[in-house]
C-alpha cells in the first residue's frame, strides 16, 4: 500500500512551502508553477497550466486531479496553509473502511449560509448562485441541510468511484463558473456532490495532524 501527500504553490509569494515536522516513508509532492521553487522535503512537480488564468483554479485542478501526480493508493491533499505536525500513517489507515476522508466546516453548517458568505465576502455572483440553486432543486437537495465541508484537507483512495467524483467536481465547477473561470467555491460543490454520490466517507480532525496558518504567513489560523 503506497501513500502520498500532495500540496500546491501557485503564484509568486502567495503561499509558503511548509516543512513537515514529522516525515513518514511516503511521497511528499508539491505541484507548482514556480520554476525556482526548491525543497529537500518535497518532490517538486512543475505544472504551469498556461491555459488556466486564475491561480485559485490551478489549485482546484491539483486538488481534484491527485491521481495525475502519483500512483499512490491513498493520497492526502492539503492546502499550503497546513503544516504537518504528526505522522500521517494513522490518517491513511483511518480511510480503510471508507472511500475518502473529509473535514467538516468549523464555523458554518449548511450550504445556504456558506453561499451567502461567498456573496458577501468573496464576490460570488448572483448568476453563479442561481445556477447552483436550480441544480440543487433538480437534485432535491436542501441547501439548509446541516452539512458543510471545508476542503483544506482531503484523503482519497484510488477507486473508480472517487476518480469519477473528482471528474464531476471539475465538470460542475466549469458549468457553474463565469468568464471561463471555475465556480469560486470548490468546497460548496464538494458538499453538494458528496451528498448525492454513493461514496462512503469519514471525517478528519485537522488538529490531530496539522497546524493551520493564515495564507502566506506564519500566523496561526484560529480554526
N, C-alpha and C. Protein backbone atom coordinates (compact mmCIF):
# COMPACT_ATOMS: atom_id res chain seq x y z
N UNK A 1 0.85 -1.19 0.00
CA UNK A 1 0.00 0.00 0.00
C UNK A 1 0.89 1.25 0.00
N UNK A 2 0.70 2.09 -1.01
CA UNK A 2 1.54 3.28 -1.16
C UNK A 2 0.75 4.53 -0.79
N UNK A 3 1.39 5.41 0.00
CA UNK A 3 0.76 6.65 0.44
C UNK A 3 1.50 7.86 -0.13
N UNK A 4 0.77 8.97 -0.31
CA UNK A 4 1.38 10.20 -0.79
C UNK A 4 0.64 11.40 -0.21
N UNK A 5 1.38 12.49 -0.02
CA UNK A 5 0.81 13.78 0.36
C UNK A 5 1.07 14.74 -0.79
N UNK A 6 0.06 15.48 -1.19
CA UNK A 6 0.20 16.47 -2.24
C UNK A 6 -0.21 17.84 -1.71
N UNK A 7 0.65 18.82 -1.94
CA UNK A 7 0.28 20.22 -1.69
C UNK A 7 0.56 20.99 -2.97
N UNK A 8 0.30 22.30 -2.95
CA UNK A 8 0.44 23.08 -4.17
C UNK A 8 0.77 24.53 -3.83
N UNK A 9 1.63 25.12 -4.66
CA UNK A 9 2.02 26.51 -4.52
C UNK A 9 1.91 27.17 -5.89
N UNK A 10 0.98 28.11 -6.04
CA UNK A 10 0.81 28.81 -7.31
C UNK A 10 0.84 30.32 -7.06
N UNK A 11 1.60 31.02 -7.89
CA UNK A 11 1.71 32.47 -7.73
C UNK A 11 2.87 32.82 -6.83
N UNK A 12 3.76 33.66 -7.31
CA UNK A 12 4.96 34.05 -6.56
C UNK A 12 4.58 34.73 -5.25
N UNK A 13 5.06 34.19 -4.14
CA UNK A 13 4.85 34.82 -2.84
C UNK A 13 3.46 34.69 -2.27
N UNK A 14 2.60 33.91 -2.93
CA UNK A 14 1.23 33.78 -2.45
C UNK A 14 1.12 32.83 -1.27
N UNK A 15 1.99 31.84 -1.22
CA UNK A 15 1.95 30.83 -0.16
C UNK A 15 3.36 30.34 0.07
N UNK A 16 3.63 29.75 1.23
CA UNK A 16 4.95 29.21 1.52
C UNK A 16 4.87 27.69 1.61
N UNK A 17 5.98 27.04 1.24
CA UNK A 17 6.05 25.58 1.31
C UNK A 17 6.55 25.21 2.70
N UNK A 18 5.70 24.58 3.47
CA UNK A 18 5.98 24.33 4.88
C UNK A 18 6.64 22.95 5.07
N UNK A 19 7.72 22.94 5.81
CA UNK A 19 8.47 21.71 6.10
C UNK A 19 7.67 20.82 7.04
N UNK A 20 7.45 19.55 6.70
CA UNK A 20 6.77 18.65 7.65
C UNK A 20 7.60 18.50 8.94
N UNK A 21 6.96 18.62 10.07
CA UNK A 21 7.67 18.47 11.35
C UNK A 21 7.93 17.00 11.65
N UNK A 22 7.12 16.13 11.08
CA UNK A 22 7.31 14.68 11.17
C UNK A 22 7.19 14.12 9.75
N UNK A 23 8.16 13.31 9.35
CA UNK A 23 8.12 12.73 8.00
C UNK A 23 8.01 11.22 8.08
N UNK A 24 7.13 10.67 7.26
CA UNK A 24 6.97 9.23 7.14
C UNK A 24 7.68 8.75 5.87
N UNK A 25 7.75 7.46 5.70
CA UNK A 25 8.34 6.89 4.49
C UNK A 25 7.27 6.83 3.40
N UNK A 26 6.86 8.03 2.94
CA UNK A 26 5.83 8.16 1.93
C UNK A 26 6.26 9.27 0.96
N UNK A 27 5.51 9.47 -0.10
CA UNK A 27 5.79 10.54 -1.05
C UNK A 27 5.28 11.88 -0.52
N UNK A 28 6.10 12.91 -0.65
CA UNK A 28 5.70 14.28 -0.37
C UNK A 28 5.86 15.07 -1.66
N UNK A 29 4.75 15.54 -2.22
CA UNK A 29 4.75 16.15 -3.55
C UNK A 29 4.19 17.58 -3.46
N UNK A 30 4.89 18.51 -4.09
CA UNK A 30 4.38 19.87 -4.22
C UNK A 30 4.27 20.20 -5.70
N UNK A 31 3.07 20.56 -6.14
CA UNK A 31 2.82 20.96 -7.52
C UNK A 31 2.86 22.49 -7.57
N UNK A 32 3.58 23.02 -8.54
CA UNK A 32 3.79 24.47 -8.58
C UNK A 32 3.97 24.99 -9.99
N UNK A 33 3.78 26.30 -10.14
CA UNK A 33 4.10 26.97 -11.40
C UNK A 33 5.37 27.81 -11.24
N UNK A 34 6.09 27.61 -10.13
CA UNK A 34 7.32 28.36 -9.85
C UNK A 34 8.55 27.52 -10.17
N UNK A 35 9.26 27.85 -11.24
CA UNK A 35 10.40 27.05 -11.67
C UNK A 35 11.56 27.07 -10.67
N UNK A 36 11.64 28.12 -9.87
CA UNK A 36 12.76 28.24 -8.93
C UNK A 36 12.44 27.70 -7.53
N UNK A 37 11.29 27.08 -7.35
CA UNK A 37 10.94 26.53 -6.04
C UNK A 37 11.74 25.26 -5.78
N UNK A 38 12.45 25.20 -4.67
CA UNK A 38 13.29 24.06 -4.31
C UNK A 38 12.90 23.56 -2.92
N UNK A 39 13.12 22.27 -2.68
CA UNK A 39 12.84 21.71 -1.36
C UNK A 39 13.57 20.39 -1.20
N UNK A 40 14.11 20.16 -0.01
CA UNK A 40 14.71 18.87 0.31
C UNK A 40 13.68 17.92 0.92
N UNK A 41 12.50 18.44 1.22
CA UNK A 41 11.46 17.64 1.86
C UNK A 41 10.35 17.22 0.91
N UNK A 42 10.14 18.03 -0.13
CA UNK A 42 9.05 17.79 -1.06
C UNK A 42 9.60 17.53 -2.46
N UNK A 43 9.00 16.60 -3.18
CA UNK A 43 9.29 16.41 -4.60
C UNK A 43 8.53 17.49 -5.37
N UNK A 44 9.27 18.34 -6.07
CA UNK A 44 8.65 19.45 -6.79
C UNK A 44 8.23 19.00 -8.18
N UNK A 45 6.96 19.17 -8.50
CA UNK A 45 6.44 18.89 -9.84
C UNK A 45 5.98 20.21 -10.45
N UNK A 46 6.64 20.60 -11.53
CA UNK A 46 6.31 21.85 -12.20
C UNK A 46 5.14 21.62 -13.16
N UNK A 47 4.06 22.37 -12.96
CA UNK A 47 2.88 22.27 -13.82
C UNK A 47 2.33 23.69 -13.98
N UNK A 48 2.73 24.34 -15.04
CA UNK A 48 2.40 25.75 -15.22
C UNK A 48 0.92 25.98 -15.50
N UNK A 49 0.27 25.05 -16.19
CA UNK A 49 -1.14 25.20 -16.60
C UNK A 49 -1.36 26.54 -17.30
N UNK A 50 -0.69 26.80 -18.40
CA UNK A 50 -0.80 28.11 -19.06
C UNK A 50 -2.20 28.46 -19.53
N UNK A 51 -3.02 27.43 -19.76
CA UNK A 51 -4.39 27.68 -20.22
C UNK A 51 -5.32 28.11 -19.08
N UNK A 52 -4.85 27.99 -17.84
CA UNK A 52 -5.65 28.35 -16.66
C UNK A 52 -5.14 29.70 -16.14
N UNK A 53 -5.95 30.73 -16.21
CA UNK A 53 -5.51 32.09 -15.87
C UNK A 53 -5.66 32.43 -14.39
N UNK A 54 -6.56 31.76 -13.71
CA UNK A 54 -6.85 32.09 -12.30
C UNK A 54 -6.04 31.16 -11.38
N UNK A 55 -5.30 31.75 -10.43
CA UNK A 55 -4.49 30.95 -9.52
C UNK A 55 -5.35 30.02 -8.68
N UNK A 56 -6.51 30.50 -8.25
CA UNK A 56 -7.42 29.66 -7.47
C UNK A 56 -7.82 28.42 -8.26
N UNK A 57 -8.05 28.60 -9.56
CA UNK A 57 -8.45 27.47 -10.41
C UNK A 57 -7.31 26.45 -10.53
N UNK A 58 -6.07 26.92 -10.62
CA UNK A 58 -4.94 26.00 -10.70
C UNK A 58 -4.89 25.10 -9.47
N UNK A 59 -5.14 25.69 -8.31
CA UNK A 59 -5.16 24.90 -7.06
C UNK A 59 -6.26 23.86 -7.10
N UNK A 60 -7.42 24.24 -7.62
CA UNK A 60 -8.54 23.31 -7.72
C UNK A 60 -8.22 22.15 -8.65
N UNK A 61 -7.56 22.45 -9.77
CA UNK A 61 -7.21 21.39 -10.72
C UNK A 61 -6.25 20.38 -10.10
N UNK A 62 -5.37 20.82 -9.20
CA UNK A 62 -4.49 19.88 -8.49
C UNK A 62 -5.29 19.10 -7.45
N UNK A 63 -6.09 19.83 -6.69
CA UNK A 63 -6.84 19.22 -5.58
C UNK A 63 -7.75 18.10 -6.05
N UNK A 64 -8.32 18.26 -7.24
CA UNK A 64 -9.26 17.26 -7.74
C UNK A 64 -8.71 16.46 -8.93
N UNK A 65 -7.39 16.51 -9.10
CA UNK A 65 -6.69 15.63 -10.04
C UNK A 65 -5.49 14.97 -9.36
N UNK A 66 -5.66 14.46 -8.14
CA UNK A 66 -4.50 13.94 -7.40
C UNK A 66 -3.82 12.75 -8.08
N UNK A 67 -4.59 11.97 -8.83
CA UNK A 67 -4.05 10.75 -9.44
C UNK A 67 -3.16 11.07 -10.64
N UNK A 68 -3.15 12.31 -11.06
CA UNK A 68 -2.26 12.75 -12.15
C UNK A 68 -0.81 12.80 -11.70
N UNK A 69 -0.58 13.02 -10.41
CA UNK A 69 0.76 13.33 -9.92
C UNK A 69 1.43 12.18 -9.16
N UNK A 70 0.71 11.11 -8.89
CA UNK A 70 1.28 9.99 -8.14
C UNK A 70 0.49 8.72 -8.44
N UNK A 71 1.16 7.58 -8.26
CA UNK A 71 0.47 6.30 -8.41
C UNK A 71 0.11 5.70 -7.05
N UNK A 72 0.14 6.53 -6.02
CA UNK A 72 -0.16 6.05 -4.66
C UNK A 72 -1.60 5.55 -4.56
N UNK A 73 -1.81 4.62 -3.63
CA UNK A 73 -3.14 4.05 -3.40
C UNK A 73 -4.03 4.97 -2.57
N UNK A 74 -3.40 5.71 -1.66
CA UNK A 74 -4.12 6.67 -0.81
C UNK A 74 -3.36 7.98 -0.84
N UNK A 75 -4.09 9.06 -1.06
CA UNK A 75 -3.47 10.36 -1.27
C UNK A 75 -4.13 11.40 -0.37
N UNK A 76 -3.31 12.10 0.39
CA UNK A 76 -3.79 13.21 1.22
C UNK A 76 -3.41 14.52 0.53
N UNK A 77 -4.41 15.32 0.18
CA UNK A 77 -4.17 16.61 -0.47
C UNK A 77 -4.41 17.71 0.55
N UNK A 78 -3.41 18.59 0.72
CA UNK A 78 -3.52 19.65 1.72
C UNK A 78 -3.22 21.01 1.10
N UNK A 79 -3.88 22.04 1.61
CA UNK A 79 -3.57 23.41 1.23
C UNK A 79 -2.21 23.80 1.76
N UNK A 80 -1.65 24.86 1.17
CA UNK A 80 -0.38 25.39 1.65
C UNK A 80 -0.46 26.02 3.03
N UNK A 81 -1.68 26.19 3.54
CA UNK A 81 -1.85 26.75 4.89
C UNK A 81 -1.55 25.73 5.98
N UNK A 82 -1.48 24.44 5.63
CA UNK A 82 -1.35 23.39 6.63
C UNK A 82 0.11 22.96 6.80
N UNK A 83 0.50 22.80 8.04
CA UNK A 83 1.82 22.28 8.40
C UNK A 83 1.63 20.91 9.05
N UNK A 84 2.32 19.92 8.52
CA UNK A 84 2.22 18.56 9.06
C UNK A 84 2.97 18.49 10.39
N UNK A 85 2.28 18.10 11.45
CA UNK A 85 2.89 18.07 12.79
C UNK A 85 3.03 16.67 13.37
N UNK A 86 2.34 15.68 12.79
CA UNK A 86 2.38 14.32 13.30
C UNK A 86 2.54 13.34 12.14
N UNK A 87 2.83 12.10 12.46
CA UNK A 87 2.83 11.06 11.43
C UNK A 87 1.44 10.98 10.80
N UNK A 88 1.41 10.86 9.48
CA UNK A 88 0.13 10.77 8.78
C UNK A 88 -0.31 9.33 8.55
N UNK A 89 0.50 8.38 8.97
CA UNK A 89 0.13 6.98 8.77
C UNK A 89 -1.22 6.65 9.41
N UNK A 90 -1.50 7.08 10.66
CA UNK A 90 -2.83 6.81 11.23
C UNK A 90 -3.97 7.43 10.41
N UNK A 91 -3.70 8.58 9.78
CA UNK A 91 -4.72 9.20 8.94
C UNK A 91 -4.99 8.35 7.70
N UNK A 92 -3.95 7.87 7.07
CA UNK A 92 -4.12 7.00 5.90
C UNK A 92 -4.81 5.69 6.29
N UNK A 93 -4.50 5.16 7.46
CA UNK A 93 -5.13 3.92 7.91
C UNK A 93 -6.60 4.13 8.23
N UNK A 94 -6.94 5.35 8.65
CA UNK A 94 -8.31 5.68 9.02
C UNK A 94 -9.27 5.58 7.84
N UNK A 95 -8.74 5.75 6.61
CA UNK A 95 -9.59 5.76 5.43
C UNK A 95 -9.94 4.35 4.94
N UNK A 96 -9.38 3.32 5.55
CA UNK A 96 -9.51 1.96 5.02
C UNK A 96 -10.95 1.47 4.89
N UNK A 97 -11.85 1.93 5.74
CA UNK A 97 -13.25 1.50 5.66
C UNK A 97 -14.12 2.49 4.88
N UNK A 98 -13.48 3.47 4.24
CA UNK A 98 -14.20 4.50 3.51
C UNK A 98 -13.60 4.67 2.12
N UNK A 99 -14.27 5.50 1.32
CA UNK A 99 -13.74 5.86 0.01
C UNK A 99 -12.88 7.11 0.08
N UNK A 100 -13.21 7.99 1.00
CA UNK A 100 -12.41 9.19 1.22
C UNK A 100 -12.70 9.75 2.61
N UNK A 101 -11.81 10.65 3.05
CA UNK A 101 -11.99 11.37 4.31
C UNK A 101 -12.11 12.85 4.00
N UNK A 102 -12.99 13.53 4.72
CA UNK A 102 -13.22 14.95 4.50
C UNK A 102 -13.30 15.65 5.86
N UNK A 103 -13.30 16.97 5.81
CA UNK A 103 -13.34 17.77 7.03
C UNK A 103 -14.63 18.59 7.09
N UNK A 104 -15.32 18.53 8.20
CA UNK A 104 -16.50 19.38 8.39
C UNK A 104 -16.06 20.83 8.57
N UNK A 105 -16.87 21.76 8.07
CA UNK A 105 -16.57 23.17 8.23
C UNK A 105 -16.69 23.55 9.70
N UNK A 106 -15.70 24.27 10.26
CA UNK A 106 -15.70 24.56 11.69
C UNK A 106 -16.60 25.71 12.11
N UNK A 107 -17.14 26.49 11.17
CA UNK A 107 -17.91 27.68 11.53
C UNK A 107 -19.36 27.64 11.05
N UNK A 108 -19.56 27.24 9.80
CA UNK A 108 -20.91 27.21 9.25
C UNK A 108 -21.32 25.77 8.99
N UNK A 109 -22.64 25.53 8.98
CA UNK A 109 -23.08 24.13 8.92
C UNK A 109 -24.07 23.82 7.81
N UNK A 110 -24.23 24.74 6.84
CA UNK A 110 -25.08 24.39 5.70
C UNK A 110 -24.70 25.22 4.48
N UNK A 111 -25.10 24.73 3.32
CA UNK A 111 -24.72 25.37 2.07
C UNK A 111 -25.35 26.75 1.89
N UNK A 112 -26.55 26.95 2.39
CA UNK A 112 -27.20 28.24 2.21
C UNK A 112 -26.39 29.36 2.87
N UNK A 113 -26.02 29.18 4.13
CA UNK A 113 -25.26 30.22 4.83
C UNK A 113 -23.86 30.38 4.22
N UNK A 114 -23.29 29.29 3.72
CA UNK A 114 -21.96 29.37 3.11
C UNK A 114 -22.02 30.15 1.79
N UNK A 115 -23.03 29.89 0.97
CA UNK A 115 -23.17 30.62 -0.28
C UNK A 115 -23.41 32.12 -0.03
N UNK A 116 -24.19 32.42 0.99
CA UNK A 116 -24.42 33.83 1.35
C UNK A 116 -23.11 34.49 1.76
N UNK A 117 -22.25 33.76 2.46
CA UNK A 117 -20.96 34.28 2.88
C UNK A 117 -20.07 34.56 1.66
N UNK A 118 -20.13 33.70 0.66
CA UNK A 118 -19.32 33.90 -0.54
C UNK A 118 -19.80 35.10 -1.33
N UNK A 119 -21.08 35.37 -1.33
CA UNK A 119 -21.60 36.57 -1.98
C UNK A 119 -21.11 37.82 -1.24
N UNK A 120 -21.16 37.77 0.08
CA UNK A 120 -20.86 38.93 0.91
C UNK A 120 -19.37 39.26 0.95
N UNK A 121 -18.51 38.23 1.05
CA UNK A 121 -17.09 38.49 1.29
C UNK A 121 -16.17 38.10 0.15
N UNK A 122 -16.64 37.28 -0.81
CA UNK A 122 -15.74 36.77 -1.85
C UNK A 122 -16.16 37.19 -3.26
N UNK A 123 -17.24 37.93 -3.38
CA UNK A 123 -17.64 38.44 -4.69
C UNK A 123 -18.29 37.43 -5.60
N UNK A 124 -18.87 36.36 -5.05
CA UNK A 124 -19.58 35.40 -5.88
C UNK A 124 -20.80 36.08 -6.50
N UNK A 125 -21.05 35.80 -7.78
CA UNK A 125 -22.14 36.48 -8.48
C UNK A 125 -23.48 35.83 -8.22
N UNK A 126 -24.54 36.62 -8.36
CA UNK A 126 -25.89 36.09 -8.22
C UNK A 126 -26.19 35.05 -9.29
N UNK A 127 -25.58 35.22 -10.47
CA UNK A 127 -25.78 34.26 -11.56
C UNK A 127 -25.26 32.88 -11.16
N UNK A 128 -24.07 32.86 -10.52
CA UNK A 128 -23.50 31.59 -10.07
C UNK A 128 -24.40 30.93 -9.02
N UNK A 129 -24.87 31.73 -8.09
CA UNK A 129 -25.74 31.22 -7.03
C UNK A 129 -27.04 30.68 -7.63
N UNK A 130 -27.58 31.40 -8.59
CA UNK A 130 -28.84 30.99 -9.21
C UNK A 130 -28.69 29.63 -9.89
N UNK A 131 -27.62 29.43 -10.62
CA UNK A 131 -27.38 28.15 -11.27
C UNK A 131 -27.24 27.03 -10.24
N UNK A 132 -26.53 27.34 -9.14
CA UNK A 132 -26.36 26.35 -8.08
C UNK A 132 -27.72 25.96 -7.49
N UNK A 133 -28.56 26.96 -7.23
CA UNK A 133 -29.87 26.70 -6.64
C UNK A 133 -30.77 25.88 -7.56
N UNK A 134 -30.71 26.15 -8.87
CA UNK A 134 -31.52 25.40 -9.83
C UNK A 134 -31.14 23.92 -9.81
N UNK A 135 -29.84 23.65 -9.82
CA UNK A 135 -29.39 22.26 -9.82
C UNK A 135 -29.72 21.58 -8.50
N UNK A 136 -29.56 22.30 -7.40
CA UNK A 136 -29.89 21.74 -6.09
C UNK A 136 -31.37 21.36 -6.03
N UNK A 137 -32.22 22.23 -6.59
CA UNK A 137 -33.66 21.94 -6.60
C UNK A 137 -33.94 20.72 -7.46
N UNK A 138 -33.28 20.62 -8.61
CA UNK A 138 -33.48 19.48 -9.51
C UNK A 138 -33.06 18.17 -8.83
N UNK A 139 -31.99 18.24 -8.04
CA UNK A 139 -31.48 17.05 -7.34
C UNK A 139 -32.16 16.83 -5.99
N UNK A 140 -33.14 17.68 -5.67
CA UNK A 140 -33.88 17.58 -4.40
C UNK A 140 -32.94 17.70 -3.19
N UNK A 141 -31.96 18.60 -3.31
CA UNK A 141 -31.01 18.83 -2.23
C UNK A 141 -31.42 20.06 -1.44
N UNK A 142 -31.61 19.90 -0.16
CA UNK A 142 -31.97 21.00 0.73
C UNK A 142 -30.70 21.76 1.11
N UNK A 143 -30.58 23.01 0.67
CA UNK A 143 -29.38 23.82 0.96
C UNK A 143 -29.27 24.17 2.43
N UNK A 144 -30.34 23.99 3.19
CA UNK A 144 -30.32 24.26 4.63
C UNK A 144 -29.95 23.02 5.45
N UNK A 145 -29.75 21.90 4.77
CA UNK A 145 -29.37 20.69 5.49
C UNK A 145 -28.06 20.92 6.22
N UNK A 146 -27.98 20.46 7.46
CA UNK A 146 -26.82 20.77 8.30
C UNK A 146 -25.63 19.88 7.96
N UNK A 147 -24.96 20.29 6.89
CA UNK A 147 -23.78 19.56 6.44
C UNK A 147 -22.99 20.47 5.52
N UNK A 148 -21.74 20.77 5.89
CA UNK A 148 -20.90 21.62 5.07
C UNK A 148 -19.44 21.21 5.27
N UNK A 149 -18.74 21.05 4.15
CA UNK A 149 -17.34 20.64 4.19
C UNK A 149 -16.41 21.82 4.00
N UNK A 150 -15.20 21.65 4.50
CA UNK A 150 -14.10 22.56 4.22
C UNK A 150 -13.00 21.73 3.55
N UNK A 151 -12.43 22.23 2.46
CA UNK A 151 -11.60 21.36 1.61
C UNK A 151 -10.10 21.59 1.75
N UNK A 152 -9.65 22.12 2.88
CA UNK A 152 -8.22 22.35 3.05
C UNK A 152 -7.45 21.04 3.19
N UNK A 153 -8.13 19.95 3.54
CA UNK A 153 -7.51 18.63 3.60
C UNK A 153 -8.54 17.57 3.17
N UNK A 154 -8.13 16.71 2.25
CA UNK A 154 -8.96 15.61 1.77
C UNK A 154 -8.05 14.39 1.62
N UNK A 155 -8.55 13.22 2.02
CA UNK A 155 -7.81 11.98 1.80
C UNK A 155 -8.60 11.11 0.82
N UNK A 156 -7.96 10.77 -0.30
CA UNK A 156 -8.58 9.99 -1.36
C UNK A 156 -8.08 8.54 -1.36
N UNK A 157 -8.92 7.64 -1.83
CA UNK A 157 -8.48 6.30 -2.18
C UNK A 157 -8.53 6.17 -3.70
N UNK A 158 -7.66 5.33 -4.24
CA UNK A 158 -7.62 5.15 -5.70
C UNK A 158 -8.72 4.15 -6.10
N UNK A 159 -9.92 4.65 -6.20
CA UNK A 159 -11.07 3.84 -6.58
C UNK A 159 -11.80 4.54 -7.72
N UNK A 160 -12.40 3.79 -8.63
CA UNK A 160 -13.13 4.41 -9.75
C UNK A 160 -14.19 5.40 -9.28
N UNK A 161 -14.88 5.09 -8.18
CA UNK A 161 -15.95 5.98 -7.71
C UNK A 161 -15.40 7.33 -7.27
N UNK A 162 -14.16 7.34 -6.75
CA UNK A 162 -13.54 8.59 -6.34
C UNK A 162 -12.99 9.35 -7.53
N UNK A 163 -12.43 8.64 -8.49
CA UNK A 163 -11.98 9.30 -9.71
C UNK A 163 -13.15 9.95 -10.44
N UNK A 164 -14.29 9.28 -10.44
CA UNK A 164 -15.49 9.84 -11.05
C UNK A 164 -15.97 11.07 -10.28
N UNK A 165 -15.90 11.02 -8.95
CA UNK A 165 -16.30 12.16 -8.12
C UNK A 165 -15.44 13.38 -8.43
N UNK A 166 -14.13 13.17 -8.58
CA UNK A 166 -13.21 14.27 -8.88
C UNK A 166 -13.51 14.86 -10.26
N UNK A 167 -13.76 14.01 -11.22
CA UNK A 167 -14.10 14.49 -12.57
C UNK A 167 -15.41 15.29 -12.55
N UNK A 168 -16.37 14.82 -11.78
CA UNK A 168 -17.66 15.51 -11.69
C UNK A 168 -17.48 16.86 -10.99
N UNK A 169 -16.59 16.91 -10.00
CA UNK A 169 -16.31 18.18 -9.30
C UNK A 169 -15.84 19.23 -10.29
N UNK A 170 -14.85 18.89 -11.11
CA UNK A 170 -14.31 19.85 -12.07
C UNK A 170 -15.38 20.23 -13.11
N UNK A 171 -16.10 19.24 -13.60
CA UNK A 171 -17.13 19.50 -14.60
C UNK A 171 -18.21 20.44 -14.06
N UNK A 172 -18.63 20.20 -12.83
CA UNK A 172 -19.67 21.02 -12.21
C UNK A 172 -19.17 22.44 -11.98
N UNK A 173 -17.91 22.57 -11.55
CA UNK A 173 -17.35 23.90 -11.31
C UNK A 173 -17.21 24.69 -12.60
N UNK A 174 -16.91 24.00 -13.70
CA UNK A 174 -16.85 24.67 -15.01
C UNK A 174 -18.23 25.18 -15.40
N UNK A 175 -19.25 24.35 -15.21
CA UNK A 175 -20.61 24.72 -15.58
C UNK A 175 -21.11 25.92 -14.77
N UNK A 176 -20.79 25.94 -13.48
CA UNK A 176 -21.28 27.00 -12.60
C UNK A 176 -20.49 28.29 -12.72
N UNK A 177 -19.28 28.22 -13.24
CA UNK A 177 -18.40 29.38 -13.28
C UNK A 177 -18.79 30.41 -14.34
N UNK A 178 -18.04 31.51 -14.34
CA UNK A 178 -18.29 32.61 -15.28
C UNK A 178 -17.00 33.02 -15.97
N UNK A 179 -17.11 33.51 -17.21
CA UNK A 179 -15.98 34.08 -17.95
C UNK A 179 -14.79 33.12 -18.07
N UNK A 180 -15.09 31.83 -18.20
CA UNK A 180 -14.03 30.85 -18.38
C UNK A 180 -13.36 30.39 -17.10
N UNK A 181 -13.74 30.98 -15.96
CA UNK A 181 -13.19 30.59 -14.66
C UNK A 181 -14.12 29.61 -13.96
N UNK A 182 -13.56 28.84 -13.06
CA UNK A 182 -14.35 27.89 -12.29
C UNK A 182 -15.20 28.61 -11.25
N UNK A 183 -16.24 27.93 -10.80
CA UNK A 183 -17.05 28.40 -9.67
C UNK A 183 -16.14 28.69 -8.49
N UNK A 184 -16.43 29.76 -7.75
CA UNK A 184 -15.49 30.24 -6.74
C UNK A 184 -15.27 29.28 -5.57
N UNK A 185 -16.28 28.50 -5.21
CA UNK A 185 -16.15 27.66 -4.01
C UNK A 185 -16.14 26.18 -4.34
N UNK A 186 -14.96 25.57 -4.33
CA UNK A 186 -14.89 24.13 -4.58
C UNK A 186 -15.50 23.33 -3.44
N UNK A 187 -15.47 23.87 -2.21
CA UNK A 187 -15.98 23.10 -1.08
C UNK A 187 -17.52 23.07 -1.07
N UNK A 188 -18.15 24.10 -1.63
CA UNK A 188 -19.61 24.05 -1.77
C UNK A 188 -20.01 22.97 -2.77
N UNK A 189 -19.27 22.89 -3.88
CA UNK A 189 -19.56 21.86 -4.88
C UNK A 189 -19.29 20.48 -4.31
N UNK A 190 -18.18 20.31 -3.58
CA UNK A 190 -17.88 19.02 -2.97
C UNK A 190 -18.96 18.61 -1.99
N UNK A 191 -19.42 19.56 -1.18
CA UNK A 191 -20.50 19.28 -0.23
C UNK A 191 -21.76 18.80 -0.96
N UNK A 192 -22.08 19.47 -2.06
CA UNK A 192 -23.24 19.09 -2.88
C UNK A 192 -23.07 17.68 -3.44
N UNK A 193 -21.92 17.42 -4.07
CA UNK A 193 -21.72 16.15 -4.77
C UNK A 193 -21.66 14.96 -3.81
N UNK A 194 -21.02 15.16 -2.67
CA UNK A 194 -20.82 14.05 -1.76
C UNK A 194 -22.14 13.62 -1.12
N UNK A 195 -23.10 14.53 -1.08
CA UNK A 195 -24.40 14.18 -0.51
C UNK A 195 -25.25 13.37 -1.48
N UNK A 196 -25.01 13.53 -2.77
CA UNK A 196 -25.82 12.78 -3.73
C UNK A 196 -25.07 11.58 -4.31
N UNK A 197 -23.76 11.49 -4.06
CA UNK A 197 -22.97 10.37 -4.56
C UNK A 197 -23.03 9.20 -3.57
N UNK A 198 -22.85 8.00 -4.09
CA UNK A 198 -22.87 6.82 -3.22
C UNK A 198 -21.45 6.45 -2.81
N UNK A 199 -20.81 7.39 -2.11
CA UNK A 199 -19.46 7.15 -1.61
C UNK A 199 -19.51 7.05 -0.09
N UNK A 200 -18.63 6.23 0.43
CA UNK A 200 -18.51 6.11 1.89
C UNK A 200 -17.41 7.06 2.34
N UNK A 201 -17.74 7.92 3.29
CA UNK A 201 -16.75 8.89 3.73
C UNK A 201 -16.72 8.99 5.25
N UNK A 202 -15.53 9.32 5.75
CA UNK A 202 -15.35 9.58 7.17
C UNK A 202 -14.83 10.99 7.35
N UNK A 203 -14.61 11.37 8.60
CA UNK A 203 -14.24 12.75 8.89
C UNK A 203 -12.82 12.84 9.47
N UNK A 204 -12.16 13.94 9.11
CA UNK A 204 -10.81 14.23 9.56
C UNK A 204 -10.88 15.25 10.69
N UNK A 205 -10.12 15.00 11.75
CA UNK A 205 -9.90 16.02 12.76
C UNK A 205 -8.56 16.68 12.43
N UNK A 206 -8.62 17.84 11.80
CA UNK A 206 -7.43 18.52 11.31
C UNK A 206 -6.36 18.70 12.38
N UNK A 207 -6.78 19.04 13.59
CA UNK A 207 -5.82 19.37 14.65
C UNK A 207 -5.05 18.16 15.15
N UNK A 208 -5.50 16.95 14.79
CA UNK A 208 -4.76 15.75 15.17
C UNK A 208 -3.47 15.60 14.38
N UNK A 209 -3.39 16.24 13.21
CA UNK A 209 -2.26 16.01 12.31
C UNK A 209 -1.60 17.28 11.77
N UNK A 210 -2.28 18.43 11.90
CA UNK A 210 -1.79 19.64 11.25
C UNK A 210 -1.96 20.87 12.14
N UNK A 211 -1.11 21.88 11.89
CA UNK A 211 -1.37 23.24 12.31
C UNK A 211 -1.78 24.02 11.07
N UNK A 212 -2.69 24.96 11.26
CA UNK A 212 -3.15 25.75 10.13
C UNK A 212 -2.75 27.21 10.32
N UNK A 213 -2.23 27.81 9.25
CA UNK A 213 -1.77 29.19 9.28
C UNK A 213 -2.61 30.04 8.33
N UNK A 214 -2.61 31.35 8.56
CA UNK A 214 -3.23 32.25 7.60
C UNK A 214 -2.43 32.20 6.31
N UNK A 215 -3.08 32.43 5.19
CA UNK A 215 -2.44 32.28 3.89
C UNK A 215 -1.15 33.09 3.79
N UNK A 216 -0.07 32.41 3.41
CA UNK A 216 1.20 33.08 3.14
C UNK A 216 1.91 33.65 4.34
N UNK A 217 1.53 33.22 5.56
CA UNK A 217 2.13 33.78 6.77
C UNK A 217 2.51 32.67 7.75
N UNK A 218 3.18 33.07 8.84
CA UNK A 218 3.46 32.16 9.94
C UNK A 218 2.52 32.40 11.11
N UNK A 219 1.43 33.12 10.85
CA UNK A 219 0.43 33.39 11.87
C UNK A 219 -0.57 32.26 11.93
N UNK A 220 -0.72 31.64 13.11
CA UNK A 220 -1.64 30.53 13.25
C UNK A 220 -3.06 30.98 12.99
N UNK A 221 -3.79 30.14 12.26
CA UNK A 221 -5.19 30.40 11.96
C UNK A 221 -6.01 30.02 13.17
N UNK A 222 -7.17 30.65 13.31
CA UNK A 222 -7.99 30.39 14.50
C UNK A 222 -8.95 29.22 14.34
N UNK A 223 -8.80 28.44 13.24
CA UNK A 223 -9.68 27.27 13.12
C UNK A 223 -8.94 26.12 12.45
